[in-house]
Amino acid sequence: QVQLVESGGGLVQAGGSLRLSCAASGRTFSNYAMGWFRQAPGKEREFVAAISWSGGNTYYADSVKGRFAISRDNAKNTVFLQMNSLKPEDTAVYYCAATTSRWYRSRYDYNYWGQGTQVSVSS
C-alpha cells in the first residue's frame, strides 16, 4: 500500500557527505516506521538506520552510529539519511523500506522496499 523511491546516491570521496531521500506515496505514511538498509556486492543486506512513526525514536547500526542521521518529514512523505564522514566500507546499494510493524530493526520486519540507490565512496 506504499511505494518508495530513493534518490541522492552517487560517488563521493572518503570523508565526504551525502544525503539520501526516500519519497513515499500511498496509504498513511506517518503510520509507517521507516528504515534504511544497504547491500554491498557479495554481502547480505544489512540494517543501517530506522525511525519510528512519529520520528521520536531512531536506531542505528554500530557501524554508522555517530556518522549517519535518519530523519523524516511526514508533511512531505519523505525520509532522509544524512551520511557524513563516509568510508569506503559504506559503499553499497542503499534501500529505503517501510513497515507498520512495531519491530523495525530487521530486514524481515519490512514489507515495502524501494528500488535502491547506489552509494560509492572512493579511497
N, C-alpha and C. Protein backbone atom coordinates (compact mmCIF):
# COMPACT_ATOMS: atom_id res chain seq x y z
N GLN A 1 0.82 -1.22 0.00
CA GLN A 1 0.00 0.00 0.00
C GLN A 1 0.85 1.26 0.00
N VAL A 2 2.15 1.10 -0.11
CA VAL A 2 3.04 2.25 -0.15
C VAL A 2 4.14 1.98 -1.18
N GLN A 3 4.48 3.02 -1.91
CA GLN A 3 5.55 2.95 -2.88
C GLN A 3 6.69 3.86 -2.43
N LEU A 4 7.91 3.39 -2.61
CA LEU A 4 9.08 4.10 -2.14
C LEU A 4 10.06 4.30 -3.27
N VAL A 5 10.59 5.49 -3.38
CA VAL A 5 11.56 5.81 -4.40
C VAL A 5 12.73 6.54 -3.76
N GLU A 6 13.91 5.93 -3.83
CA GLU A 6 15.11 6.54 -3.27
C GLU A 6 15.78 7.44 -4.29
N SER A 7 16.51 8.40 -3.79
CA SER A 7 17.32 9.26 -4.63
C SER A 7 18.46 9.83 -3.80
N GLY A 8 19.43 10.40 -4.46
CA GLY A 8 20.52 11.08 -3.78
C GLY A 8 21.82 10.32 -3.72
N GLY A 9 21.84 9.12 -4.23
CA GLY A 9 23.08 8.37 -4.25
C GLY A 9 24.07 8.95 -5.23
N GLY A 10 25.30 8.50 -5.12
CA GLY A 10 26.34 8.98 -6.01
C GLY A 10 27.70 8.54 -5.56
N LEU A 11 28.70 9.15 -6.15
CA LEU A 11 30.09 8.85 -5.86
C LEU A 11 30.70 10.00 -5.08
N VAL A 12 31.29 9.69 -3.95
CA VAL A 12 31.93 10.71 -3.12
C VAL A 12 33.28 10.22 -2.63
N GLN A 13 34.10 11.17 -2.22
CA GLN A 13 35.39 10.85 -1.63
C GLN A 13 35.22 10.44 -0.18
N ALA A 14 36.11 9.61 0.30
CA ALA A 14 36.12 9.27 1.71
C ALA A 14 36.18 10.54 2.55
N GLY A 15 35.38 10.56 3.59
CA GLY A 15 35.28 11.74 4.43
C GLY A 15 34.20 12.70 4.02
N GLY A 16 33.64 12.48 2.86
CA GLY A 16 32.60 13.35 2.36
C GLY A 16 31.23 13.00 2.90
N SER A 17 30.25 13.72 2.40
CA SER A 17 28.88 13.56 2.86
C SER A 17 27.92 13.37 1.70
N LEU A 18 26.82 12.75 2.02
CA LEU A 18 25.78 12.51 1.04
C LEU A 18 24.46 12.44 1.78
N ARG A 19 23.42 12.91 1.15
CA ARG A 19 22.09 12.85 1.75
C ARG A 19 21.15 12.08 0.83
N LEU A 20 20.63 11.00 1.34
CA LEU A 20 19.67 10.20 0.60
C LEU A 20 18.25 10.61 0.96
N SER A 21 17.38 10.53 -0.01
CA SER A 21 15.97 10.80 0.21
C SER A 21 15.15 9.61 -0.23
N CYS A 22 14.03 9.43 0.42
CA CYS A 22 13.09 8.38 0.06
C CYS A 22 11.70 8.99 0.05
N ALA A 23 11.14 9.09 -1.12
CA ALA A 23 9.80 9.64 -1.27
C ALA A 23 8.78 8.52 -1.23
N ALA A 24 7.80 8.67 -0.38
CA ALA A 24 6.78 7.65 -0.20
C ALA A 24 5.44 8.13 -0.72
N SER A 25 4.72 7.23 -1.30
CA SER A 25 3.35 7.51 -1.72
C SER A 25 2.48 6.32 -1.35
N GLY A 26 1.22 6.60 -1.10
CA GLY A 26 0.32 5.55 -0.71
C GLY A 26 -0.40 5.88 0.58
N ARG A 27 -0.65 4.86 1.35
CA ARG A 27 -1.52 4.98 2.50
C ARG A 27 -0.81 5.39 3.77
N THR A 28 -1.24 6.46 4.33
CA THR A 28 -0.90 6.88 5.69
C THR A 28 0.58 6.73 6.01
N PHE A 29 1.37 7.54 5.33
CA PHE A 29 2.81 7.49 5.50
C PHE A 29 3.24 7.64 6.95
N SER A 30 2.59 8.51 7.67
CA SER A 30 3.00 8.80 9.04
C SER A 30 2.84 7.61 9.98
N ASN A 31 2.09 6.62 9.59
CA ASN A 31 1.90 5.44 10.42
C ASN A 31 2.92 4.34 10.16
N TYR A 32 3.85 4.60 9.27
CA TYR A 32 4.88 3.62 8.94
C TYR A 32 6.19 3.98 9.60
N ALA A 33 6.78 3.01 10.26
CA ALA A 33 8.19 3.13 10.61
C ALA A 33 9.00 2.98 9.33
N MET A 34 10.11 3.67 9.27
CA MET A 34 10.93 3.67 8.07
C MET A 34 12.35 3.25 8.39
N GLY A 35 12.95 2.57 7.45
CA GLY A 35 14.31 2.12 7.65
C GLY A 35 15.16 2.29 6.41
N TRP A 36 16.45 2.33 6.65
CA TRP A 36 17.44 2.28 5.58
C TRP A 36 18.29 1.04 5.75
N PHE A 37 18.49 0.36 4.67
CA PHE A 37 19.34 -0.82 4.63
C PHE A 37 20.33 -0.66 3.49
N ARG A 38 21.37 -1.46 3.53
CA ARG A 38 22.33 -1.40 2.44
C ARG A 38 22.85 -2.80 2.13
N GLN A 39 23.27 -2.96 0.91
CA GLN A 39 23.80 -4.23 0.47
C GLN A 39 24.99 -3.99 -0.45
N ALA A 40 26.12 -4.47 -0.02
CA ALA A 40 27.33 -4.40 -0.81
C ALA A 40 27.47 -5.67 -1.64
N PRO A 41 28.22 -5.61 -2.73
CA PRO A 41 28.40 -6.81 -3.56
C PRO A 41 28.93 -7.97 -2.75
N GLY A 42 28.29 -9.11 -2.90
CA GLY A 42 28.71 -10.31 -2.21
C GLY A 42 28.35 -10.38 -0.74
N LYS A 43 27.59 -9.41 -0.26
CA LYS A 43 27.23 -9.38 1.15
C LYS A 43 25.72 -9.37 1.32
N GLU A 44 25.29 -9.72 2.51
CA GLU A 44 23.87 -9.70 2.83
C GLU A 44 23.40 -8.27 3.07
N ARG A 45 22.13 -8.08 2.85
CA ARG A 45 21.54 -6.79 3.15
C ARG A 45 21.57 -6.55 4.66
N GLU A 46 22.04 -5.38 5.05
CA GLU A 46 22.19 -5.10 6.47
C GLU A 46 21.46 -3.83 6.88
N PHE A 47 21.06 -3.84 8.12
CA PHE A 47 20.39 -2.70 8.71
C PHE A 47 21.33 -1.53 8.85
N VAL A 48 20.84 -0.35 8.54
CA VAL A 48 21.62 0.88 8.69
C VAL A 48 21.00 1.79 9.73
N ALA A 49 19.73 2.12 9.55
CA ALA A 49 19.07 3.06 10.45
C ALA A 49 17.57 2.89 10.33
N ALA A 50 16.86 3.29 11.37
CA ALA A 50 15.41 3.24 11.34
C ALA A 50 14.84 4.37 12.18
N ILE A 51 13.62 4.74 11.86
CA ILE A 51 12.95 5.82 12.57
C ILE A 51 11.49 5.44 12.78
N SER A 52 10.98 5.77 13.95
CA SER A 52 9.62 5.40 14.31
C SER A 52 8.59 6.23 13.55
N TRP A 53 7.34 5.86 13.73
CA TRP A 53 6.24 6.57 13.08
C TRP A 53 6.29 8.07 13.32
N SER A 54 6.50 8.43 14.56
CA SER A 54 6.49 9.84 14.93
C SER A 54 7.81 10.54 14.67
N GLY A 55 8.85 9.78 14.46
CA GLY A 55 10.17 10.35 14.34
C GLY A 55 10.87 10.53 15.67
N GLY A 56 10.21 10.14 16.75
CA GLY A 56 10.77 10.35 18.06
C GLY A 56 11.83 9.33 18.47
N ASN A 57 11.89 8.23 17.78
CA ASN A 57 12.85 7.19 18.10
C ASN A 57 13.65 6.83 16.86
N THR A 58 14.94 6.81 17.01
CA THR A 58 15.82 6.41 15.93
C THR A 58 16.80 5.35 16.40
N TYR A 59 17.23 4.53 15.47
CA TYR A 59 18.16 3.45 15.77
C TYR A 59 19.17 3.36 14.65
N TYR A 60 20.39 3.00 15.03
CA TYR A 60 21.47 2.94 14.07
C TYR A 60 22.31 1.69 14.26
N ALA A 61 22.80 1.19 13.17
CA ALA A 61 23.80 0.15 13.25
C ALA A 61 25.07 0.73 13.87
N ASP A 62 25.78 -0.10 14.61
CA ASP A 62 27.00 0.37 15.25
C ASP A 62 27.99 0.94 14.25
N SER A 63 27.99 0.39 13.06
CA SER A 63 28.96 0.80 12.07
C SER A 63 28.75 2.22 11.55
N VAL A 64 27.55 2.76 11.74
CA VAL A 64 27.26 4.10 11.24
C VAL A 64 26.92 5.08 12.34
N LYS A 65 26.83 4.61 13.55
CA LYS A 65 26.45 5.46 14.67
C LYS A 65 27.43 6.62 14.82
N GLY A 66 26.88 7.81 14.95
CA GLY A 66 27.69 9.00 15.05
C GLY A 66 28.05 9.62 13.72
N ARG A 67 27.82 8.91 12.64
CA ARG A 67 28.12 9.43 11.31
C ARG A 67 26.87 9.66 10.47
N PHE A 68 25.89 8.81 10.65
CA PHE A 68 24.67 8.90 9.87
C PHE A 68 23.53 9.42 10.74
N ALA A 69 22.56 10.05 10.11
CA ALA A 69 21.38 10.51 10.82
C ALA A 69 20.14 10.30 9.96
N ILE A 70 19.16 9.64 10.52
CA ILE A 70 17.91 9.43 9.82
C ILE A 70 16.89 10.44 10.33
N SER A 71 16.07 10.91 9.44
CA SER A 71 15.02 11.84 9.80
C SER A 71 13.84 11.66 8.85
N ARG A 72 12.72 12.24 9.21
CA ARG A 72 11.57 12.15 8.33
C ARG A 72 10.78 13.44 8.37
N ASP A 73 10.13 13.71 7.27
CA ASP A 73 9.25 14.84 7.14
C ASP A 73 7.91 14.29 6.67
N ASN A 74 7.04 14.08 7.61
CA ASN A 74 5.76 13.45 7.28
C ASN A 74 4.88 14.33 6.40
N ALA A 75 5.04 15.63 6.53
CA ALA A 75 4.28 16.54 5.69
C ALA A 75 4.65 16.38 4.22
N LYS A 76 5.88 15.97 3.97
CA LYS A 76 6.36 15.76 2.61
C LYS A 76 6.47 14.29 2.24
N ASN A 77 6.05 13.43 3.15
CA ASN A 77 6.09 11.98 2.90
C ASN A 77 7.48 11.52 2.48
N THR A 78 8.46 11.98 3.22
CA THR A 78 9.84 11.73 2.84
C THR A 78 10.68 11.36 4.07
N VAL A 79 11.56 10.42 3.88
CA VAL A 79 12.54 10.07 4.90
C VAL A 79 13.93 10.32 4.33
N PHE A 80 14.84 10.73 5.18
CA PHE A 80 16.18 11.09 4.75
C PHE A 80 17.23 10.27 5.49
N LEU A 81 18.36 10.15 4.87
CA LEU A 81 19.53 9.60 5.53
C LEU A 81 20.70 10.51 5.23
N GLN A 82 21.10 11.26 6.23
CA GLN A 82 22.28 12.10 6.11
C GLN A 82 23.50 11.27 6.46
N MET A 83 24.44 11.19 5.55
CA MET A 83 25.62 10.37 5.74
C MET A 83 26.85 11.27 5.73
N ASN A 84 27.54 11.30 6.84
CA ASN A 84 28.74 12.09 6.98
C ASN A 84 29.94 11.19 7.24
N SER A 85 31.11 11.76 7.05
CA SER A 85 32.36 11.03 7.28
C SER A 85 32.34 9.67 6.60
N LEU A 86 31.97 9.68 5.36
CA LEU A 86 31.80 8.43 4.63
C LEU A 86 33.12 7.69 4.46
N LYS A 87 33.01 6.39 4.52
CA LYS A 87 34.15 5.49 4.38
C LYS A 87 33.94 4.59 3.18
N PRO A 88 35.01 4.07 2.62
CA PRO A 88 34.84 3.11 1.52
C PRO A 88 33.96 1.93 1.89
N GLU A 89 33.97 1.54 3.15
CA GLU A 89 33.13 0.43 3.61
C GLU A 89 31.64 0.74 3.54
N ASP A 90 31.30 2.00 3.37
CA ASP A 90 29.90 2.39 3.23
C ASP A 90 29.37 2.17 1.82
N THR A 91 30.24 1.83 0.91
CA THR A 91 29.83 1.60 -0.46
C THR A 91 28.84 0.45 -0.54
N ALA A 92 27.69 0.73 -1.11
CA ALA A 92 26.62 -0.26 -1.20
C ALA A 92 25.44 0.34 -1.95
N VAL A 93 24.51 -0.51 -2.26
CA VAL A 93 23.20 -0.04 -2.69
C VAL A 93 22.37 0.18 -1.44
N TYR A 94 21.80 1.35 -1.31
CA TYR A 94 21.01 1.70 -0.15
C TYR A 94 19.53 1.62 -0.48
N TYR A 95 18.81 0.95 0.38
CA TYR A 95 17.39 0.73 0.18
C TYR A 95 16.57 1.38 1.29
N CYS A 96 15.51 1.99 0.89
CA CYS A 96 14.52 2.52 1.80
C CYS A 96 13.44 1.47 2.00
N ALA A 97 12.93 1.37 3.21
CA ALA A 97 11.90 0.38 3.50
C ALA A 97 10.88 0.94 4.47
N ALA A 98 9.69 0.38 4.45
CA ALA A 98 8.60 0.83 5.30
C ALA A 98 7.87 -0.35 5.91
N THR A 99 7.38 -0.14 7.13
CA THR A 99 6.62 -1.17 7.80
C THR A 99 5.66 -0.57 8.80
N THR A 100 4.55 -1.25 9.03
CA THR A 100 3.64 -0.88 10.10
C THR A 100 3.90 -1.69 11.35
N SER A 101 4.85 -2.59 11.30
CA SER A 101 5.19 -3.41 12.45
C SER A 101 5.80 -2.58 13.57
N ARG A 102 5.61 -3.07 14.79
CA ARG A 102 6.28 -2.42 15.92
C ARG A 102 7.74 -2.84 16.01
N TRP A 103 8.12 -3.82 15.22
CA TRP A 103 9.51 -4.24 15.13
C TRP A 103 10.05 -3.76 13.80
N TYR A 104 11.11 -2.99 13.83
CA TYR A 104 11.58 -2.40 12.60
C TYR A 104 13.09 -2.23 12.53
N ARG A 105 13.79 -3.14 13.13
CA ARG A 105 15.24 -3.10 13.08
C ARG A 105 15.84 -4.28 12.34
N SER A 106 15.00 -5.07 11.72
CA SER A 106 15.44 -6.19 10.92
C SER A 106 14.82 -6.09 9.53
N ARG A 107 15.56 -6.54 8.53
CA ARG A 107 15.01 -6.53 7.19
C ARG A 107 13.76 -7.38 7.07
N TYR A 108 13.62 -8.34 7.95
CA TYR A 108 12.45 -9.22 7.91
C TYR A 108 11.20 -8.55 8.45
N ASP A 109 11.34 -7.40 9.04
CA ASP A 109 10.19 -6.66 9.56
C ASP A 109 9.51 -5.81 8.51
N TYR A 110 10.14 -5.64 7.38
CA TYR A 110 9.67 -4.68 6.39
C TYR A 110 8.93 -5.34 5.24
N ASN A 111 7.86 -4.70 4.85
CA ASN A 111 7.01 -5.20 3.77
C ASN A 111 7.20 -4.46 2.46
N TYR A 112 7.66 -3.23 2.53
CA TYR A 112 7.76 -2.39 1.35
C TYR A 112 9.18 -1.90 1.19
N TRP A 113 9.66 -1.96 -0.05
CA TRP A 113 11.03 -1.61 -0.36
C TRP A 113 11.11 -0.74 -1.60
N GLY A 114 12.05 0.17 -1.58
CA GLY A 114 12.36 0.93 -2.77
C GLY A 114 13.29 0.16 -3.68
N GLN A 115 13.64 0.78 -4.78
CA GLN A 115 14.47 0.12 -5.78
C GLN A 115 15.96 0.18 -5.47
N GLY A 116 16.33 1.04 -4.56
CA GLY A 116 17.72 1.18 -4.18
C GLY A 116 18.42 2.30 -4.91
N THR A 117 19.42 2.86 -4.27
CA THR A 117 20.26 3.88 -4.88
C THR A 117 21.71 3.60 -4.52
N GLN A 118 22.58 3.71 -5.49
CA GLN A 118 23.98 3.36 -5.31
C GLN A 118 24.75 4.47 -4.60
N VAL A 119 25.48 4.08 -3.58
CA VAL A 119 26.41 4.98 -2.91
C VAL A 119 27.80 4.39 -3.04
N SER A 120 28.71 5.14 -3.61
CA SER A 120 30.08 4.69 -3.78
C SER A 120 31.03 5.68 -3.13
N VAL A 121 31.91 5.18 -2.30
CA VAL A 121 32.86 6.02 -1.58
C VAL A 121 34.25 5.59 -1.97
N SER A 122 34.99 6.50 -2.56
CA SER A 122 36.33 6.20 -3.02
C SER A 122 37.36 6.51 -1.94
N SER A 123 38.47 5.79 -1.98
CA SER A 123 39.54 5.99 -1.02
C SER A 123 40.31 7.26 -1.29
